[in-house]
Amino acid sequence: MEQILDIFLPVVIAIFALLTFLCLIRALKGPEISDRVVCVNMIGTLVIMIIAVLTVFLGEDWLADIAAVYAMISFLAVVVLTKIYIGVYREKHSKEDQKS
């Protein structure tokens, strides 16, 4: 069982790293602000998953605490980005309503 985990877990980490990179590309390329917010949320989730897999792979329990703290910070970041997006959206549509 140990041999399988020694092979499987690094592969899982590599796949998550590739997905994180693809989300970063999508965040930079995304045509809408909402696409970018979703990508930032997805990157945060993937990083949490990488940390969780590293916790099992390295056998270090304190990494689980790091993942929990990172989850809270990631959640707050998405809430702040969403608040900014809503403000930009409202401002944009209030200007369009004034023109009509």
C-alpha atoms as a PDB file:
ATOM      1  CA  MET A   1       0.000   0.000   0.000  1.00  0.00           C
ATOM      2  CA  GLU A   2       2.856   2.400   0.773  1.00  0.00           C
ATOM      3  CA  GLN A   3       4.348   1.879  -2.682  1.00  0.00           C
ATOM      4  CA  ILE A   4       1.060   2.734  -4.357  1.00  0.00           C
ATOM      5  CA  LEU A   5       0.729   5.940  -2.312  1.00  0.00           C
ATOM      6  CA  ASP A   6       4.341   6.888  -3.086  1.00  0.00           C
ATOM      7  CA  ILE A   7       3.470   6.819  -6.784  1.00  0.00           C
ATOM      8  CA  PHE A   8      -0.160   7.962  -6.711  1.00  0.00           C
ATOM      9  CA  LEU A   9       0.103  11.044  -4.490  1.00  0.00           C
ATOM     10  CA  PRO A  10       2.822  12.853  -6.503  1.00  0.00           C
ATOM     11  CA  VAL A  11       0.789  12.202  -9.662  1.00  0.00           C
ATOM     12  CA  VAL A  12      -2.284  13.712  -8.009  1.00  0.00           C
ATOM     13  CA  ILE A  13      -0.249  16.749  -6.930  1.00  0.00           C
ATOM     14  CA  ALA A  14       1.071  17.168 -10.477  1.00  0.00           C
ATOM     15  CA  ILE A  15      -2.460  16.982 -11.912  1.00  0.00           C
ATOM     16  CA  PHE A  16      -3.715  19.568  -9.410  1.00  0.00           C
ATOM     17  CA  ALA A  17      -0.743  21.818 -10.257  1.00  0.00           C
ATOM     18  CA  LEU A  18      -1.564  21.539 -13.971  1.00  0.00           C
ATOM     19  CA  LEU A  19      -5.206  22.381 -13.296  1.00  0.00           C
ATOM     20  CA  THR A  20      -4.126  25.366 -11.198  1.00  0.00           C
ATOM     21  CA  PHE A  21      -1.984  26.613 -14.075  1.00  0.00           C
ATOM     22  CA  LEU A  22      -4.884  26.191 -16.522  1.00  0.00           C
ATOM     23  CA  CYS A  23      -7.175  28.133 -14.167  1.00  0.00           C
ATOM     24  CA  LEU A  24      -4.570  30.889 -13.970  1.00  0.00           C
ATOM     25  CA  ILE A  25      -4.530  31.125 -17.761  1.00  0.00           C
ATOM     26  CA  ARG A  26      -8.334  31.272 -17.798  1.00  0.00           C
ATOM     27  CA  ALA A  27      -8.307  33.968 -15.112  1.00  0.00           C
ATOM     28  CA  LEU A  28      -5.958  36.105 -17.182  1.00  0.00           C
ATOM     29  CA  LYS A  29      -7.833  35.439 -20.420  1.00  0.00           C
ATOM     30  CA  GLY A  30     -11.403  35.496 -19.079  1.00  0.00           C
ATOM     31  CA  PRO A  31     -13.618  37.973 -20.911  1.00  0.00           C
ATOM     32  CA  GLU A  32     -15.770  38.798 -17.889  1.00  0.00           C
ATOM     33  CA  ILE A  33     -14.916  39.786 -14.343  1.00  0.00           C
ATOM     34  CA  SER A  34     -17.172  37.028 -13.067  1.00  0.00           C
ATOM     35  CA  ASP A  35     -15.042  34.461 -14.937  1.00  0.00           C
ATOM     36  CA  ARG A  36     -11.990  35.777 -13.149  1.00  0.00           C
ATOM     37  CA  VAL A  37     -13.658  35.595  -9.730  1.00  0.00           C
ATOM     38  CA  VAL A  38     -14.665  31.983 -10.356  1.00  0.00           C
ATOM     39  CA  CYS A  39     -11.105  31.161 -11.469  1.00  0.00           C
ATOM     40  CA  VAL A  40      -9.627  32.745  -8.344  1.00  0.00           C
ATOM     41  CA  ASN A  41     -11.999  30.646  -6.253  1.00  0.00           C
ATOM     42  CA  MET A  42     -11.035  27.508  -8.182  1.00  0.00           C
ATOM     43  CA  ILE A  43      -7.321  28.230  -7.779  1.00  0.00           C
ATOM     44  CA  GLY A  44      -7.825  28.610  -4.034  1.00  0.00           C
ATOM     45  CA  THR A  45      -9.685  25.311  -3.880  1.00  0.00           C
ATOM     46  CA  LEU A  46      -6.983  23.521  -5.868  1.00  0.00           C
ATOM     47  CA  VAL A  47      -4.247  24.895  -3.619  1.00  0.00           C
ATOM     48  CA  ILE A  48      -6.161  23.654  -0.573  1.00  0.00           C
ATOM     49  CA  MET A  49      -6.413  20.226  -2.197  1.00  0.00           C
ATOM     50  CA  ILE A  50      -2.668  20.214  -2.949  1.00  0.00           C
ATOM     51  CA  ILE A  51      -1.918  21.056   0.683  1.00  0.00           C
ATOM     52  CA  ALA A  52      -4.278  18.277   1.835  1.00  0.00           C
ATOM     53  CA  VAL A  53      -2.554  15.713  -0.399  1.00  0.00           C
ATOM     54  CA  LEU A  54       0.833  16.923   0.852  1.00  0.00           C
ATOM     55  CA  THR A  55      -0.422  16.388   4.398  1.00  0.00           C
ATOM     56  CA  VAL A  56      -1.009  12.720   3.648  1.00  0.00           C
ATOM     57  CA  PHE A  57       2.131  12.318   1.517  1.00  0.00           C
ATOM     58  CA  LEU A  58       4.521  13.888   4.012  1.00  0.00           C
ATOM     59  CA  GLY A  59       2.693  12.732   7.135  1.00  0.00           C
ATOM     60  CA  GLU A  60       2.820  16.206   8.644  1.00  0.00           C
ATOM     61  CA  ASP A  61      -0.352  16.995  10.577  1.00  0.00           C
ATOM     62  CA  TRP A  62       0.345  20.700  10.848  1.00  0.00           C
ATOM     63  CA  LEU A  63      -0.189  21.091   7.090  1.00  0.00           C
ATOM     64  CA  ALA A  64      -3.882  20.354   7.632  1.00  0.00           C
ATOM     65  CA  ASP A  65      -4.039  23.443   9.864  1.00  0.00           C
ATOM     66  CA  ILE A  66      -2.382  25.469   7.096  1.00  0.00           C
ATOM     67  CA  ALA A  67      -5.014  24.190   4.638  1.00  0.00           C
ATOM     68  CA  ALA A  68      -7.817  25.246   6.992  1.00  0.00           C
ATOM     69  CA  VAL A  69      -6.379  28.745   7.439  1.00  0.00           C
ATOM     70  CA  TYR A  70      -5.823  29.041   3.683  1.00  0.00           C
ATOM     71  CA  ALA A  71      -9.457  28.015   3.094  1.00  0.00           C
ATOM     72  CA  MET A  72     -10.652  30.851   5.324  1.00  0.00           C
ATOM     73  CA  ILE A  73      -8.394  33.377   3.612  1.00  0.00           C
ATOM     74  CA  SER A  74      -9.469  32.150   0.176  1.00  0.00           C
ATOM     75  CA  PHE A  75     -13.126  32.463   1.127  1.00  0.00           C
ATOM     76  CA  LEU A  76     -12.616  36.029   2.333  1.00  0.00           C
ATOM     77  CA  ALA A  77     -10.743  36.907  -0.859  1.00  0.00           C
ATOM     78  CA  VAL A  78     -13.621  35.652  -3.009  1.00  0.00           C
ATOM     79  CA  VAL A  79     -16.143  37.568  -0.895  1.00  0.00           C
ATOM     80  CA  VAL A  80     -14.111  40.777  -1.307  1.00  0.00           C
ATOM     81  CA  LEU A  81     -13.706  40.241  -5.057  1.00  0.00           C
ATOM     82  CA  THR A  82     -17.427  39.597  -5.394  1.00  0.00           C
ATOM     83  CA  LYS A  83     -18.205  42.777  -3.451  1.00  0.00           C
ATOM     84  CA  ILE A  84     -15.924  44.740  -5.787  1.00  0.00           C
ATOM     85  CA  TYR A  85     -17.523  43.112  -8.829  1.00  0.00           C
ATOM     86  CA  ILE A  86     -21.027  43.989  -7.623  1.00  0.00           C
ATOM     87  CA  GLY A  87     -19.951  47.604  -7.120  1.00  0.00           C
ATOM     88  CA  VAL A  88     -18.485  47.810 -10.633  1.00  0.00           C
ATOM     89  CA  TYR A  89     -21.601  46.148 -12.076  1.00  0.00           C
ATOM     90  CA  ARG A  90     -23.955  48.558 -10.312  1.00  0.00           C
ATOM     91  CA  GLU A  91     -21.905  51.568 -11.357  1.00  0.00           C
ATOM     92  CA  LYS A  92     -21.847  50.432 -14.971  1.00  0.00           C
ATOM     93  CA  HIS A  93     -25.588  49.849 -15.103  1.00  0.00           C
ATOM     94  CA  SER A  94     -26.452  53.070 -13.289  1.00  0.00           C
ATOM     95  CA  LYS A  95     -24.555  55.003 -15.975  1.00  0.00           C
ATOM     96  CA  GLU A  96     -26.452  53.111 -18.694  1.00  0.00           C
ATOM     97  CA  ASP A  97     -29.769  53.893 -16.985  1.00  0.00           C
ATOM     98  CA  GLN A  98     -28.915  57.599 -16.798  1.00  0.00           C
ATOM     99  CA  LYS A  99     -28.175  57.675 -20.546  1.00  0.00           C
ATOM    100  CA  SER A 100     -31.575  56.197 -21.406  1.00  0.00           C
END
